[in-house]
Amino acid sequence: MKPLSQLITETSQLLTEICDHPDYQALLNEGHSPDLTMGDACTALVYLSWEVDPLATVAGDIPSGEVSDHG
């Protein structure tokens, strides 16, 4: 079983890939606007990583463009 910290990092990287994916960008351009954003998911991972290791940082904390897309 992988350590929780490793799973958090891998998940953060996957969320970044999703945000950068052309199909996801197309959904945003078509008006996709969920109540909870990818930025919310990334923030949850950051908080979880701090609980696991208070000195840790998560790669790609919040994907670029996410905050501006959902304001």
PDB file of N, CA and C in Angstrom:
ATOM      1  N   MET A   1       0.849  -1.177   0.000  1.00  0.00           N
ATOM      2  CA  MET A   1       0.000   0.000   0.000  1.00  0.00           C
ATOM      3  C   MET A   1       0.895   1.241   0.000  1.00  0.00           C
ATOM      4  N   LYS A   2       0.512   2.220  -0.812  1.00  0.00           N
ATOM      5  CA  LYS A   2       1.281   3.460  -0.908  1.00  0.00           C
ATOM      6  C   LYS A   2       1.032   4.329   0.319  1.00  0.00           C
ATOM      7  N   PRO A   3       2.043   5.121   0.701  1.00  0.00           N
ATOM      8  CA  PRO A   3       1.837   6.077   1.797  1.00  0.00           C
ATOM      9  C   PRO A   3       0.802   7.139   1.388  1.00  0.00           C
ATOM     10  N   LEU A   4       0.059   7.621   2.362  1.00  0.00           N
ATOM     11  CA  LEU A   4      -0.964   8.629   2.097  1.00  0.00           C
ATOM     12  C   LEU A   4      -0.363   9.864   1.435  1.00  0.00           C
ATOM     13  N   SER A   5       0.801  10.292   1.887  1.00  0.00           N
ATOM     14  CA  SER A   5       1.425  11.484   1.303  1.00  0.00           C
ATOM     15  C   SER A   5       1.697  11.296  -0.189  1.00  0.00           C
ATOM     16  N   GLN A   6       2.085  10.098  -0.579  1.00  0.00           N
ATOM     17  CA  GLN A   6       2.334   9.820  -1.996  1.00  0.00           C
ATOM     18  C   GLN A   6       1.027   9.858  -2.796  1.00  0.00           C
ATOM     19  N   LEU A   7      -0.031   9.302  -2.236  1.00  0.00           N
ATOM     20  CA  LEU A   7      -1.330   9.331  -2.909  1.00  0.00           C
ATOM     21  C   LEU A   7      -1.834  10.761  -3.089  1.00  0.00           C
ATOM     22  N   ILE A   8      -1.610  11.597  -2.084  1.00  0.00           N
ATOM     23  CA  ILE A   8      -2.019  13.001  -2.172  1.00  0.00           C
ATOM     24  C   ILE A   8      -1.277  13.689  -3.308  1.00  0.00           C
ATOM     25  N   THR A   9       0.031  13.472  -3.386  1.00  0.00           N
ATOM     26  CA  THR A   9       0.836  14.082  -4.439  1.00  0.00           C
ATOM     27  C   THR A   9       0.398  13.598  -5.816  1.00  0.00           C
ATOM     28  N   GLU A  10       0.196  12.297  -5.953  1.00  0.00           N
ATOM     29  CA  GLU A  10      -0.230  11.744  -7.238  1.00  0.00           C
ATOM     30  C   GLU A  10      -1.597  12.292  -7.651  1.00  0.00           C
ATOM     31  N   THR A  11      -2.499  12.416  -6.700  1.00  0.00           N
ATOM     32  CA  THR A  11      -3.833  12.932  -6.993  1.00  0.00           C
ATOM     33  C   THR A  11      -3.768  14.394  -7.404  1.00  0.00           C
ATOM     34  N   SER A  12      -2.933  15.158  -6.734  1.00  0.00           N
ATOM     35  CA  SER A  12      -2.756  16.560  -7.088  1.00  0.00           C
ATOM     36  C   SER A  12      -2.243  16.695  -8.519  1.00  0.00           C
ATOM     37  N   GLN A  13      -1.300  15.846  -8.876  1.00  0.00           N
ATOM     38  CA  GLN A  13      -0.760  15.873 -10.237  1.00  0.00           C
ATOM     39  C   GLN A  13      -1.832  15.491 -11.261  1.00  0.00           C
ATOM     40  N   LEU A  14      -2.666  14.512 -10.923  1.00  0.00           N
ATOM     41  CA  LEU A  14      -3.756  14.120 -11.823  1.00  0.00           C
ATOM     42  C   LEU A  14      -4.770  15.251 -11.996  1.00  0.00           C
ATOM     43  N   LEU A  15      -5.085  15.949 -10.921  1.00  0.00           N
ATOM     44  CA  LEU A  15      -6.014  17.074 -11.027  1.00  0.00           C
ATOM     45  C   LEU A  15      -5.449  18.165 -11.932  1.00  0.00           C
ATOM     46  N   THR A  16      -4.144  18.393 -11.843  1.00  0.00           N
ATOM     47  CA  THR A  16      -3.498  19.367 -12.714  1.00  0.00           C
ATOM     48  C   THR A  16      -3.605  18.928 -14.168  1.00  0.00           C
ATOM     49  N   GLU A  17      -3.382  17.641 -14.423  1.00  0.00           N
ATOM     50  CA  GLU A  17      -3.509  17.120 -15.788  1.00  0.00           C
ATOM     51  C   GLU A  17      -4.934  17.283 -16.307  1.00  0.00           C
ATOM     52  N   ILE A  18      -5.911  17.023 -15.454  1.00  0.00           N
ATOM     53  CA  ILE A  18      -7.313  17.184 -15.856  1.00  0.00           C
ATOM     54  C   ILE A  18      -7.589  18.640 -16.217  1.00  0.00           C
ATOM     55  N   CYS A  19      -7.137  19.556 -15.385  1.00  0.00           N
ATOM     56  CA  CYS A  19      -7.374  20.981 -15.640  1.00  0.00           C
ATOM     57  C   CYS A  19      -6.733  21.446 -16.940  1.00  0.00           C
ATOM     58  N   ASP A  20      -5.603  20.849 -17.282  1.00  0.00           N
ATOM     59  CA  ASP A  20      -4.892  21.224 -18.504  1.00  0.00           C
ATOM     60  C   ASP A  20      -5.399  20.482 -19.742  1.00  0.00           C
ATOM     61  N   HIS A  21      -6.222  19.475 -19.557  1.00  0.00           N
ATOM     62  CA  HIS A  21      -6.674  18.639 -20.669  1.00  0.00           C
ATOM     63  C   HIS A  21      -7.601  19.430 -21.601  1.00  0.00           C
ATOM     64  N   PRO A  22      -7.403  19.310 -22.905  1.00  0.00           N
ATOM     65  CA  PRO A  22      -8.246  20.049 -23.857  1.00  0.00           C
ATOM     66  C   PRO A  22      -9.743  19.745 -23.720  1.00  0.00           C
ATOM     67  N   ASP A  23     -10.099  18.510 -23.402  1.00  0.00           N
ATOM     68  CA  ASP A  23     -11.518  18.179 -23.240  1.00  0.00           C
ATOM     69  C   ASP A  23     -12.121  18.902 -22.036  1.00  0.00           C
ATOM     70  N   TYR A  24     -11.356  19.010 -20.954  1.00  0.00           N
ATOM     71  CA  TYR A  24     -11.846  19.733 -19.775  1.00  0.00           C
ATOM     72  C   TYR A  24     -11.947  21.225 -20.089  1.00  0.00           C
ATOM     73  N   GLN A  25     -10.941  21.755 -20.777  1.00  0.00           N
ATOM     74  CA  GLN A  25     -10.971  23.166 -21.163  1.00  0.00           C
ATOM     75  C   GLN A  25     -12.181  23.453 -22.057  1.00  0.00           C
ATOM     76  N   ALA A  26     -12.504  22.507 -22.955  1.00  0.00           N
ATOM     77  CA  ALA A  26     -13.674  22.670 -23.822  1.00  0.00           C
ATOM     78  C   ALA A  26     -14.958  22.716 -22.994  1.00  0.00           C
ATOM     79  N   LEU A  27     -15.044  21.860 -21.978  1.00  0.00           N
ATOM     80  CA  LEU A  27     -16.216  21.889 -21.095  1.00  0.00           C
ATOM     81  C   LEU A  27     -16.361  23.252 -20.426  1.00  0.00           C
ATOM     82  N   LEU A  28     -15.243  23.796 -19.953  1.00  0.00           N
ATOM     83  CA  LEU A  28     -15.281  25.118 -19.321  1.00  0.00           C
ATOM     84  C   LEU A  28     -15.738  26.181 -20.315  1.00  0.00           C
ATOM     85  N   ASN A  29     -15.223  26.082 -21.538  1.00  0.00           N
ATOM     86  CA  ASN A  29     -15.595  27.053 -22.570  1.00  0.00           C
ATOM     87  C   ASN A  29     -17.066  26.946 -22.950  1.00  0.00           C
ATOM     88  N   GLU A  30     -17.653  25.764 -22.757  1.00  0.00           N
ATOM     89  CA  GLU A  30     -19.079  25.559 -23.039  1.00  0.00           C
ATOM     90  C   GLU A  30     -19.959  25.963 -21.861  1.00  0.00           C
ATOM     91  N   GLY A  31     -19.340  26.434 -20.786  1.00  0.00           N
ATOM     92  CA  GLY A  31     -20.107  26.920 -19.648  1.00  0.00           C
ATOM     93  C   GLY A  31     -20.187  25.979 -18.463  1.00  0.00           C
ATOM     94  N   HIS A  32     -19.426  24.884 -18.492  1.00  0.00           N
ATOM     95  CA  HIS A  32     -19.413  23.965 -17.342  1.00  0.00           C
ATOM     96  C   HIS A  32     -18.998  24.749 -16.105  1.00  0.00           C
ATOM     97  N   SER A  33     -19.839  24.729 -15.096  1.00  0.00           N
ATOM     98  CA  SER A  33     -19.594  25.526 -13.902  1.00  0.00           C
ATOM     99  C   SER A  33     -20.135  24.794 -12.676  1.00  0.00           C
ATOM    100  N   PRO A  34     -19.383  23.789 -12.191  1.00  0.00           N
ATOM    101  CA  PRO A  34     -19.862  23.008 -11.043  1.00  0.00           C
ATOM    102  C   PRO A  34     -19.841  23.825  -9.753  1.00  0.00           C
ATOM    103  N   ASP A  35     -20.638  23.392  -8.787  1.00  0.00           N
ATOM    104  CA  ASP A  35     -20.647  24.051  -7.477  1.00  0.00           C
ATOM    105  C   ASP A  35     -19.289  23.931  -6.799  1.00  0.00           C
ATOM    106  N   LEU A  36     -18.675  22.758  -6.905  1.00  0.00           N
ATOM    107  CA  LEU A  36     -17.327  22.549  -6.374  1.00  0.00           C
ATOM    108  C   LEU A  36     -16.373  22.452  -7.552  1.00  0.00           C
ATOM    109  N   THR A  37     -15.309  23.229  -7.508  1.00  0.00           N
ATOM    110  CA  THR A  37     -14.384  23.310  -8.632  1.00  0.00           C
ATOM    111  C   THR A  37     -13.177  22.407  -8.434  1.00  0.00           C
ATOM    112  N   MET A  38     -12.379  22.298  -9.480  1.00  0.00           N
ATOM    113  CA  MET A  38     -11.117  21.574  -9.382  1.00  0.00           C
ATOM    114  C   MET A  38     -10.215  22.277  -8.360  1.00  0.00           C
ATOM    115  N   GLY A  39     -10.309  23.584  -8.295  1.00  0.00           N
ATOM    116  CA  GLY A  39      -9.547  24.329  -7.297  1.00  0.00           C
ATOM    117  C   GLY A  39      -9.937  23.941  -5.883  1.00  0.00           C
ATOM    118  N   ASP A  40     -11.229  23.697  -5.663  1.00  0.00           N
ATOM    119  CA  ASP A  40     -11.693  23.229  -4.353  1.00  0.00           C
ATOM    120  C   ASP A  40     -11.077  21.877  -4.016  1.00  0.00           C
ATOM    121  N   ALA A  41     -11.034  20.994  -5.007  1.00  0.00           N
ATOM    122  CA  ALA A  41     -10.446  19.668  -4.791  1.00  0.00           C
ATOM    123  C   ALA A  41      -8.965  19.785  -4.457  1.00  0.00           C
ATOM    124  N   CYS A  42      -8.270  20.655  -5.173  1.00  0.00           N
ATOM    125  CA  CYS A  42      -6.840  20.846  -4.907  1.00  0.00           C
ATOM    126  C   CYS A  42      -6.612  21.439  -3.522  1.00  0.00           C
ATOM    127  N   THR A  43      -7.455  22.383  -3.137  1.00  0.00           N
ATOM    128  CA  THR A  43      -7.335  22.976  -1.808  1.00  0.00           C
ATOM    129  C   THR A  43      -7.547  21.920  -0.730  1.00  0.00           C
ATOM    130  N   ALA A  44      -8.519  21.040  -0.927  1.00  0.00           N
ATOM    131  CA  ALA A  44      -8.755  19.955   0.033  1.00  0.00           C
ATOM    132  C   ALA A  44      -7.516  19.075   0.161  1.00  0.00           C
ATOM    133  N   LEU A  45      -6.844  18.806  -0.955  1.00  0.00           N
ATOM    134  CA  LEU A  45      -5.620  17.996  -0.908  1.00  0.00           C
ATOM    135  C   LEU A  45      -4.504  18.716  -0.156  1.00  0.00           C
ATOM    136  N   VAL A  46      -4.408  20.017  -0.348  1.00  0.00           N
ATOM    137  CA  VAL A  46      -3.393  20.792   0.375  1.00  0.00           C
ATOM    138  C   VAL A  46      -3.640  20.690   1.878  1.00  0.00           C
ATOM    139  N   TYR A  47      -4.891  20.888   2.297  1.00  0.00           N
ATOM    140  CA  TYR A  47      -5.213  20.800   3.725  1.00  0.00           C
ATOM    141  C   TYR A  47      -4.935  19.404   4.271  1.00  0.00           C
ATOM    142  N   LEU A  48      -5.278  18.383   3.498  1.00  0.00           N
ATOM    143  CA  LEU A  48      -5.006  17.014   3.920  1.00  0.00           C
ATOM    144  C   LEU A  48      -3.506  16.775   4.038  1.00  0.00           C
ATOM    145  N   SER A  49      -2.741  17.285   3.085  1.00  0.00           N
ATOM    146  CA  SER A  49      -1.286  17.092   3.144  1.00  0.00           C
ATOM    147  C   SER A  49      -0.697  17.768   4.376  1.00  0.00           C
ATOM    148  N   TRP A  50      -1.250  18.914   4.768  1.00  0.00           N
ATOM    149  CA  TRP A  50      -0.763  19.593   5.972  1.00  0.00           C
ATOM    150  C   TRP A  50      -1.051  18.770   7.219  1.00  0.00           C
ATOM    151  N   GLU A  51      -2.172  18.063   7.236  1.00  0.00           N
ATOM    152  CA  GLU A  51      -2.492  17.188   8.368  1.00  0.00           C
ATOM    153  C   GLU A  51      -1.528  16.007   8.434  1.00  0.00           C
ATOM    154  N   VAL A  52      -1.188  15.465   7.268  1.00  0.00           N
ATOM    155  CA  VAL A  52      -0.292  14.310   7.201  1.00  0.00           C
ATOM    156  C   VAL A  52       1.132  14.727   7.546  1.00  0.00           C
ATOM    157  N   ASP A  53       1.566  15.870   6.986  1.00  0.00           N
ATOM    158  CA  ASP A  53       2.920  16.378   7.212  1.00  0.00           C
ATOM    159  C   ASP A  53       2.857  17.899   7.196  1.00  0.00           C
ATOM    160  N   PRO A  54       2.862  18.543   8.361  1.00  0.00           N
ATOM    161  CA  PRO A  54       2.705  20.001   8.433  1.00  0.00           C
ATOM    162  C   PRO A  54       3.737  20.796   7.632  1.00  0.00           C
ATOM    163  N   LEU A  55       4.873  20.197   7.315  1.00  0.00           N
ATOM    164  CA  LEU A  55       5.896  20.905   6.547  1.00  0.00           C
ATOM    165  C   LEU A  55       5.809  20.616   5.053  1.00  0.00           C
ATOM    166  N   ALA A  56       4.862  19.798   4.653  1.00  0.00           N
ATOM    167  CA  ALA A  56       4.762  19.356   3.259  1.00  0.00           C
ATOM    168  C   ALA A  56       4.146  20.425   2.370  1.00  0.00           C
ATOM    169  N   THR A  57       4.510  20.354   1.113  1.00  0.00           N
ATOM    170  CA  THR A  57       3.828  21.118   0.077  1.00  0.00           C
ATOM    171  C   THR A  57       3.366  20.121  -0.968  1.00  0.00           C
ATOM    172  N   VAL A  58       2.276  20.428  -1.610  1.00  0.00           N
ATOM    173  CA  VAL A  58       1.733  19.548  -2.640  1.00  0.00           C
ATOM    174  C   VAL A  58       2.082  20.141  -3.987  1.00  0.00           C
ATOM    175  N   ALA A  59       2.646  19.326  -4.853  1.00  0.00           N
ATOM    176  CA  ALA A  59       3.003  19.787  -6.193  1.00  0.00           C
ATOM    177  C   ALA A  59       1.762  20.285  -6.916  1.00  0.00           C
ATOM    178  N   GLY A  60       1.873  21.467  -7.508  1.00  0.00           N
ATOM    179  CA  GLY A  60       0.759  21.994  -8.282  1.00  0.00           C
ATOM    180  C   GLY A  60      -0.459  22.303  -7.447  1.00  0.00           C
ATOM    181  N   ASP A  61      -0.269  22.930  -6.297  1.00  0.00           N
ATOM    182  CA  ASP A  61      -1.348  23.119  -5.327  1.00  0.00           C
ATOM    183  C   ASP A  61      -2.700  23.439  -5.963  1.00  0.00           C
ATOM    184  N   ILE A  62      -2.763  24.501  -6.731  1.00  0.00           N
ATOM    185  CA  ILE A  62      -4.001  24.833  -7.421  1.00  0.00           C
ATOM    186  C   ILE A  62      -3.646  25.050  -8.885  1.00  0.00           C
ATOM    187  N   PRO A  63      -4.251  24.299  -9.776  1.00  0.00           N
ATOM    188  CA  PRO A  63      -3.911  24.413 -11.195  1.00  0.00           C
ATOM    189  C   PRO A  63      -4.107  25.825 -11.713  1.00  0.00           C
ATOM    190  N   SER A  64      -3.208  26.246 -12.585  1.00  0.00           N
ATOM    191  CA  SER A  64      -3.283  27.586 -13.145  1.00  0.00           C
ATOM    192  C   SER A  64      -4.582  27.761 -13.920  1.00  0.00           C
ATOM    193  N   GLY A  65      -5.168  28.931 -13.789  1.00  0.00           N
ATOM    194  CA  GLY A  65      -6.406  29.224 -14.484  1.00  0.00           C
ATOM    195  C   GLY A  65      -7.649  28.774 -13.755  1.00  0.00           C
ATOM    196  N   GLU A  66      -7.516  27.894 -12.804  1.00  0.00           N
ATOM    197  CA  GLU A  66      -8.700  27.354 -12.128  1.00  0.00           C
ATOM    198  C   GLU A  66      -9.449  28.437 -11.373  1.00  0.00           C
ATOM    199  N   VAL A  67      -8.743  29.276 -10.648  1.00  0.00           N
ATOM    200  CA  VAL A  67      -9.409  30.301  -9.855  1.00  0.00           C
ATOM    201  C   VAL A  67     -10.105  31.299 -10.766  1.00  0.00           C
ATOM    202  N   SER A  68      -9.443  31.723 -11.852  1.00  0.00           N
ATOM    203  CA  SER A  68     -10.051  32.704 -12.739  1.00  0.00           C
ATOM    204  C   SER A  68     -11.226  32.123 -13.516  1.00  0.00           C
ATOM    205  N   ASP A  69     -11.211  30.811 -13.797  1.00  0.00           N
ATOM    206  CA  ASP A  69     -12.305  30.183 -14.530  1.00  0.00           C
ATOM    207  C   ASP A  69     -13.588  30.144 -13.725  1.00  0.00           C
ATOM    208  N   HIS A  70     -13.467  30.026 -12.401  1.00  0.00           N
ATOM    209  CA  HIS A  70     -14.656  29.872 -11.564  1.00  0.00           C
ATOM    210  C   HIS A  70     -14.769  30.950 -10.502  1.00  0.00           C
ATOM    211  N   GLY A  71     -13.917  31.946 -10.613  1.00  0.00           N
ATOM    212  CA  GLY A  71     -13.913  33.104  -9.786  1.00  0.00           C
ATOM    213  C   GLY A  71     -14.168  32.957  -8.398  1.00  0.00           C
TER     214      GLY A  71
END
